[in-house]
Amino acid sequence: MVLSPIRILGLDPGLRRTGWGVIETIGNRLAYVACGHIAPDDKLTLAERLAALHEGLAKIIRDFAPDEAAVEETFVNQNPVSTLKLGQARGIAMLAPAQAGISVAEYKPNLVKKTVVGTGHAGKDQIGMMIGVLLPKAGTIGPDAADALAIAITHAHHRIPVSLKKAVGA
């Protein structure tokens, strides 16, 4: 049986910067494809920033044709207004792939950190370092893109294949 590569889009949502990363996985092998971030202009209204985020994600999906997507679950902080705005960006990050017919998985931040670094309380510098080890072709990247690649890697390790979902009726 020949395995086909699965292309995964990882998304780290944010209103100021949404990180994105695309990897391919064949069995246990991971391969870097691309990464970056979308940073809508801070001078735009909230609705315009969300629209810019959606347009950017739609372009990434068209350009890289992922098979599956993964998004980090919202971290609830002490500022409810910030949490609400982050939730809106996260909604766009889930909407864009769903509109393209791509399944979207969600992962808790601690699971992402544990999967990539080995501990659920790793810092951004540790995540960036491990992305460099796991995906050396990514080169030097920013923390938003590193987090997005970490989310994609987490999905590669924890995903349930579509064939299995169909078999169990999920």
C-alpha atoms as a PDB file:
ATOM      1  CA  MET A   1       0.000   0.000   0.000  1.00  0.00           C
ATOM      2  CA  VAL A   2       1.414   3.379  -1.038  1.00  0.00           C
ATOM      3  CA  LEU A   3       0.692   6.242   1.330  1.00  0.00           C
ATOM      4  CA  SER A   4      -0.311   9.603  -0.123  1.00  0.00           C
ATOM      5  CA  PRO A   5       0.984  12.799   1.454  1.00  0.00           C
ATOM      6  CA  ILE A   6      -1.479  14.744   3.568  1.00  0.00           C
ATOM      7  CA  ARG A   7      -1.056  18.520   3.429  1.00  0.00           C
ATOM      8  CA  ILE A   8      -1.945  20.234   6.708  1.00  0.00           C
ATOM      9  CA  LEU A   9      -2.549  23.936   7.343  1.00  0.00           C
ATOM     10  CA  GLY A  10      -1.870  25.011  10.923  1.00  0.00           C
ATOM     11  CA  LEU A  11      -3.346  28.300  12.119  1.00  0.00           C
ATOM     12  CA  ASP A  12      -2.472  30.393  15.175  1.00  0.00           C
ATOM     13  CA  PRO A  13      -5.271  32.991  15.172  1.00  0.00           C
ATOM     14  CA  GLY A  14      -4.883  36.582  16.275  1.00  0.00           C
ATOM     15  CA  LEU A  15      -6.288  39.951  15.241  1.00  0.00           C
ATOM     16  CA  ARG A  16      -2.892  41.607  15.038  1.00  0.00           C
ATOM     17  CA  ARG A  17      -1.041  38.618  13.588  1.00  0.00           C
ATOM     18  CA  THR A  18      -2.401  35.269  12.503  1.00  0.00           C
ATOM     19  CA  GLY A  19       0.362  32.744  11.997  1.00  0.00           C
ATOM     20  CA  TRP A  20       0.012  30.062   9.358  1.00  0.00           C
ATOM     21  CA  GLY A  21       2.092  27.054   8.455  1.00  0.00           C
ATOM     22  CA  VAL A  22       1.762  24.280   5.891  1.00  0.00           C
ATOM     23  CA  ILE A  23       3.388  20.873   6.226  1.00  0.00           C
ATOM     24  CA  GLU A  24       3.045  17.529   4.493  1.00  0.00           C
ATOM     25  CA  THR A  25       3.023  14.254   6.315  1.00  0.00           C
ATOM     26  CA  ILE A  26       3.527  10.774   4.919  1.00  0.00           C
ATOM     27  CA  GLY A  27       3.256   8.235   7.712  1.00  0.00           C
ATOM     28  CA  ASN A  28       5.536   9.603  10.457  1.00  0.00           C
ATOM     29  CA  ARG A  29       7.607  11.808   8.146  1.00  0.00           C
ATOM     30  CA  LEU A  30       7.032  15.565   8.242  1.00  0.00           C
ATOM     31  CA  ALA A  31       8.024  17.980   5.492  1.00  0.00           C
ATOM     32  CA  TYR A  32       7.972  21.777   5.604  1.00  0.00           C
ATOM     33  CA  VAL A  33       6.023  23.467   2.786  1.00  0.00           C
ATOM     34  CA  ALA A  34       5.568  27.150   3.740  1.00  0.00           C
ATOM     35  CA  CYS A  35       4.716  29.493   6.594  1.00  0.00           C
ATOM     36  CA  GLY A  36       4.142  33.130   7.433  1.00  0.00           C
ATOM     37  CA  HIS A  37       1.660  35.443   9.058  1.00  0.00           C
ATOM     38  CA  ILE A  38      -1.206  37.732   8.149  1.00  0.00           C
ATOM     39  CA  ALA A  39      -1.101  41.144   9.822  1.00  0.00           C
ATOM     40  CA  PRO A  40      -4.111  43.355   9.025  1.00  0.00           C
ATOM     41  CA  ASP A  41      -3.526  47.095   9.389  1.00  0.00           C
ATOM     42  CA  ASP A  42      -4.217  48.203  12.991  1.00  0.00           C
ATOM     43  CA  LYS A  43      -5.911  51.341  11.634  1.00  0.00           C
ATOM     44  CA  LEU A  44      -8.733  49.313  10.071  1.00  0.00           C
ATOM     45  CA  THR A  45     -12.023  48.783  11.879  1.00  0.00           C
ATOM     46  CA  LEU A  46     -12.580  45.422  13.542  1.00  0.00           C
ATOM     47  CA  ALA A  47     -14.839  44.303  10.686  1.00  0.00           C
ATOM     48  CA  GLU A  48     -12.251  45.356   8.098  1.00  0.00           C
ATOM     49  CA  ARG A  49      -9.465  43.536   9.964  1.00  0.00           C
ATOM     50  CA  LEU A  50     -11.567  40.370  10.091  1.00  0.00           C
ATOM     51  CA  ALA A  51     -12.299  40.712   6.357  1.00  0.00           C
ATOM     52  CA  ALA A  52      -8.562  41.159   5.632  1.00  0.00           C
ATOM     53  CA  LEU A  53      -7.808  38.075   7.725  1.00  0.00           C
ATOM     54  CA  HIS A  54     -10.396  36.062   5.790  1.00  0.00           C
ATOM     55  CA  GLU A  55      -9.052  37.252   2.427  1.00  0.00           C
ATOM     56  CA  GLY A  56      -5.485  36.366   3.448  1.00  0.00           C
ATOM     57  CA  LEU A  57      -6.473  32.898   4.626  1.00  0.00           C
ATOM     58  CA  ALA A  58      -8.525  32.254   1.484  1.00  0.00           C
ATOM     59  CA  LYS A  59      -5.461  33.117  -0.633  1.00  0.00           C
ATOM     60  CA  ILE A  60      -3.215  30.793   1.399  1.00  0.00           C
ATOM     61  CA  ILE A  61      -5.753  27.990   0.978  1.00  0.00           C
ATOM     62  CA  ARG A  62      -5.895  28.597  -2.798  1.00  0.00           C
ATOM     63  CA  ASP A  63      -2.093  28.801  -3.092  1.00  0.00           C
ATOM     64  CA  PHE A  64      -1.194  25.732  -0.981  1.00  0.00           C
ATOM     65  CA  ALA A  65      -4.303  23.502  -1.326  1.00  0.00           C
ATOM     66  CA  PRO A  66      -4.246  21.886   2.131  1.00  0.00           C
ATOM     67  CA  ASP A  67      -6.162  18.657   2.720  1.00  0.00           C
ATOM     68  CA  GLU A  68      -6.855  19.385   6.386  1.00  0.00           C
ATOM     69  CA  ALA A  69      -6.542  22.316   8.790  1.00  0.00           C
ATOM     70  CA  ALA A  70      -5.894  22.698  12.507  1.00  0.00           C
ATOM     71  CA  VAL A  71      -6.496  25.673  14.797  1.00  0.00           C
ATOM     72  CA  GLU A  72      -5.413  26.318  18.357  1.00  0.00           C
ATOM     73  CA  GLU A  73      -8.256  26.622  20.848  1.00  0.00           C
ATOM     74  CA  THR A  74      -8.738  30.048  22.408  1.00  0.00           C
ATOM     75  CA  PHE A  75      -6.707  30.810  25.479  1.00  0.00           C
ATOM     76  CA  VAL A  76      -9.015  32.592  27.915  1.00  0.00           C
ATOM     77  CA  ASN A  77      -7.094  35.381  29.605  1.00  0.00           C
ATOM     78  CA  GLN A  78      -8.088  37.851  32.285  1.00  0.00           C
ATOM     79  CA  ASN A  79      -9.292  40.491  29.817  1.00  0.00           C
ATOM     80  CA  PRO A  80     -12.710  39.449  28.481  1.00  0.00           C
ATOM     81  CA  VAL A  81     -12.606  42.026  25.641  1.00  0.00           C
ATOM     82  CA  SER A  82      -9.280  40.617  24.380  1.00  0.00           C
ATOM     83  CA  THR A  83     -10.615  37.073  24.659  1.00  0.00           C
ATOM     84  CA  LEU A  84     -13.726  38.006  22.672  1.00  0.00           C
ATOM     85  CA  LYS A  85     -11.663  39.645  19.903  1.00  0.00           C
ATOM     86  CA  LEU A  86      -9.349  36.630  19.759  1.00  0.00           C
ATOM     87  CA  GLY A  87     -12.431  34.429  19.469  1.00  0.00           C
ATOM     88  CA  GLN A  88     -13.594  36.440  16.468  1.00  0.00           C
ATOM     89  CA  ALA A  89     -10.221  35.953  14.744  1.00  0.00           C
ATOM     90  CA  ARG A  90     -10.384  32.260  15.610  1.00  0.00           C
ATOM     91  CA  GLY A  91     -13.848  32.068  14.058  1.00  0.00           C
ATOM     92  CA  ILE A  92     -12.456  33.461  10.793  1.00  0.00           C
ATOM     93  CA  ALA A  93      -9.541  30.993  11.013  1.00  0.00           C
ATOM     94  CA  MET A  94     -12.071  28.152  11.213  1.00  0.00           C
ATOM     95  CA  LEU A  95     -14.464  29.613   8.631  1.00  0.00           C
ATOM     96  CA  ALA A  96     -11.992  30.057   5.764  1.00  0.00           C
ATOM     97  CA  PRO A  97     -10.944  26.374   5.549  1.00  0.00           C
ATOM     98  CA  ALA A  98     -14.510  25.181   6.193  1.00  0.00           C
ATOM     99  CA  GLN A  99     -15.763  27.287   3.275  1.00  0.00           C
ATOM    100  CA  ALA A 100     -13.161  25.566   1.083  1.00  0.00           C
ATOM    101  CA  GLY A 101     -14.473  22.139   2.158  1.00  0.00           C
ATOM    102  CA  ILE A 102     -11.481  21.424   4.419  1.00  0.00           C
ATOM    103  CA  SER A 103     -12.022  19.717   7.773  1.00  0.00           C
ATOM    104  CA  VAL A 104     -10.801  21.750  10.756  1.00  0.00           C
ATOM    105  CA  ALA A 105      -9.479  20.192  13.963  1.00  0.00           C
ATOM    106  CA  GLU A 106      -8.947  22.059  17.237  1.00  0.00           C
ATOM    107  CA  TYR A 107      -6.161  21.551  19.775  1.00  0.00           C
ATOM    108  CA  LYS A 108      -5.571  22.910  23.251  1.00  0.00           C
ATOM    109  CA  PRO A 109      -2.421  25.057  23.633  1.00  0.00           C
ATOM    110  CA  ASN A 110      -0.933  22.689  26.228  1.00  0.00           C
ATOM    111  CA  LEU A 111      -1.319  19.689  23.886  1.00  0.00           C
ATOM    112  CA  VAL A 112       0.450  21.603  21.099  1.00  0.00           C
ATOM    113  CA  LYS A 113       3.342  22.450  23.438  1.00  0.00           C
ATOM    114  CA  LYS A 114       3.539  18.918  24.805  1.00  0.00           C
ATOM    115  CA  THR A 115       3.488  17.381  21.315  1.00  0.00           C
ATOM    116  CA  VAL A 116       6.245  19.584  19.928  1.00  0.00           C
ATOM    117  CA  VAL A 117       8.430  20.302  22.968  1.00  0.00           C
ATOM    118  CA  GLY A 118       7.545  17.504  25.397  1.00  0.00           C
ATOM    119  CA  THR A 119       6.099  19.733  28.100  1.00  0.00           C
ATOM    120  CA  GLY A 120       2.736  21.489  28.218  1.00  0.00           C
ATOM    121  CA  HIS A 121       4.197  24.694  29.634  1.00  0.00           C
ATOM    122  CA  ALA A 122       6.878  25.431  27.043  1.00  0.00           C
ATOM    123  CA  GLY A 123       7.628  29.000  26.022  1.00  0.00           C
ATOM    124  CA  LYS A 124       7.579  30.473  22.529  1.00  0.00           C
ATOM    125  CA  ASP A 125      11.385  30.295  22.337  1.00  0.00           C
ATOM    126  CA  GLN A 126      11.297  26.560  23.049  1.00  0.00           C
ATOM    127  CA  ILE A 127       8.619  26.022  20.405  1.00  0.00           C
ATOM    128  CA  GLY A 128      10.656  27.965  17.860  1.00  0.00           C
ATOM    129  CA  MET A 129      13.767  25.935  18.667  1.00  0.00           C
ATOM    130  CA  MET A 130      11.935  22.615  18.248  1.00  0.00           C
ATOM    131  CA  ILE A 131      10.369  23.734  14.960  1.00  0.00           C
ATOM    132  CA  GLY A 132      13.937  24.324  13.767  1.00  0.00           C
ATOM    133  CA  VAL A 133      14.828  20.756  14.764  1.00  0.00           C
ATOM    134  CA  LEU A 134      11.685  19.100  13.374  1.00  0.00           C
ATOM    135  CA  LEU A 135      11.418  21.219  10.201  1.00  0.00           C
ATOM    136  CA  PRO A 136      14.935  22.526   9.467  1.00  0.00           C
ATOM    137  CA  LYS A 137      13.921  23.751   5.986  1.00  0.00           C
ATOM    138  CA  ALA A 138      11.647  26.325   7.670  1.00  0.00           C
ATOM    139  CA  GLY A 139      14.741  28.423   8.425  1.00  0.00           C
ATOM    140  CA  THR A 140      14.436  31.453  10.683  1.00  0.00           C
ATOM    141  CA  ILE A 141      10.770  32.257  11.277  1.00  0.00           C
ATOM    142  CA  GLY A 142       8.744  34.410  13.652  1.00  0.00           C
ATOM    143  CA  PRO A 143       6.863  33.132  16.694  1.00  0.00           C
ATOM    144  CA  ASP A 144       3.421  33.270  15.039  1.00  0.00           C
ATOM    145  CA  ALA A 145       4.524  31.097  12.121  1.00  0.00           C
ATOM    146  CA  ALA A 146       6.377  28.747  14.514  1.00  0.00           C
ATOM    147  CA  ASP A 147       3.219  28.331  16.597  1.00  0.00           C
ATOM    148  CA  ALA A 148       1.192  27.631  13.443  1.00  0.00           C
ATOM    149  CA  LEU A 149       3.687  24.971  12.328  1.00  0.00           C
ATOM    150  CA  ALA A 150       3.519  23.471  15.845  1.00  0.00           C
ATOM    151  CA  ILE A 151      -0.279  23.256  15.500  1.00  0.00           C
ATOM    152  CA  ALA A 152       0.102  21.547  12.108  1.00  0.00           C
ATOM    153  CA  ILE A 153       2.606  19.062  13.612  1.00  0.00           C
ATOM    154  CA  THR A 154       0.213  18.369  16.478  1.00  0.00           C
ATOM    155  CA  HIS A 155      -2.522  17.589  13.975  1.00  0.00           C
ATOM    156  CA  ALA A 156      -0.173  15.299  12.033  1.00  0.00           C
ATOM    157  CA  HIS A 157       0.453  13.317  15.232  1.00  0.00           C
ATOM    158  CA  HIS A 158      -3.129  13.274  16.576  1.00  0.00           C
ATOM    159  CA  ARG A 159      -5.310  13.310  13.456  1.00  0.00           C
ATOM    160  CA  ILE A 160      -7.905  10.663  12.774  1.00  0.00           C
ATOM    161  CA  PRO A 161      -7.698   9.611   9.119  1.00  0.00           C
ATOM    162  CA  VAL A 162     -10.791  10.359   7.036  1.00  0.00           C
ATOM    163  CA  SER A 163     -11.104   6.659   6.140  1.00  0.00           C
ATOM    164  CA  LEU A 164     -11.323   5.765   9.840  1.00  0.00           C
ATOM    165  CA  LYS A 165     -13.867   8.522  10.492  1.00  0.00           C
ATOM    166  CA  LYS A 166     -16.045   7.119   7.696  1.00  0.00           C
ATOM    167  CA  ALA A 167     -15.653   3.566   8.987  1.00  0.00           C
ATOM    168  CA  VAL A 168     -16.852   4.492  12.487  1.00  0.00           C
ATOM    169  CA  GLY A 169     -19.457   6.969  11.289  1.00  0.00           C
ATOM    170  CA  ALA A 170     -17.822  10.006  12.918  1.00  0.00           C
END
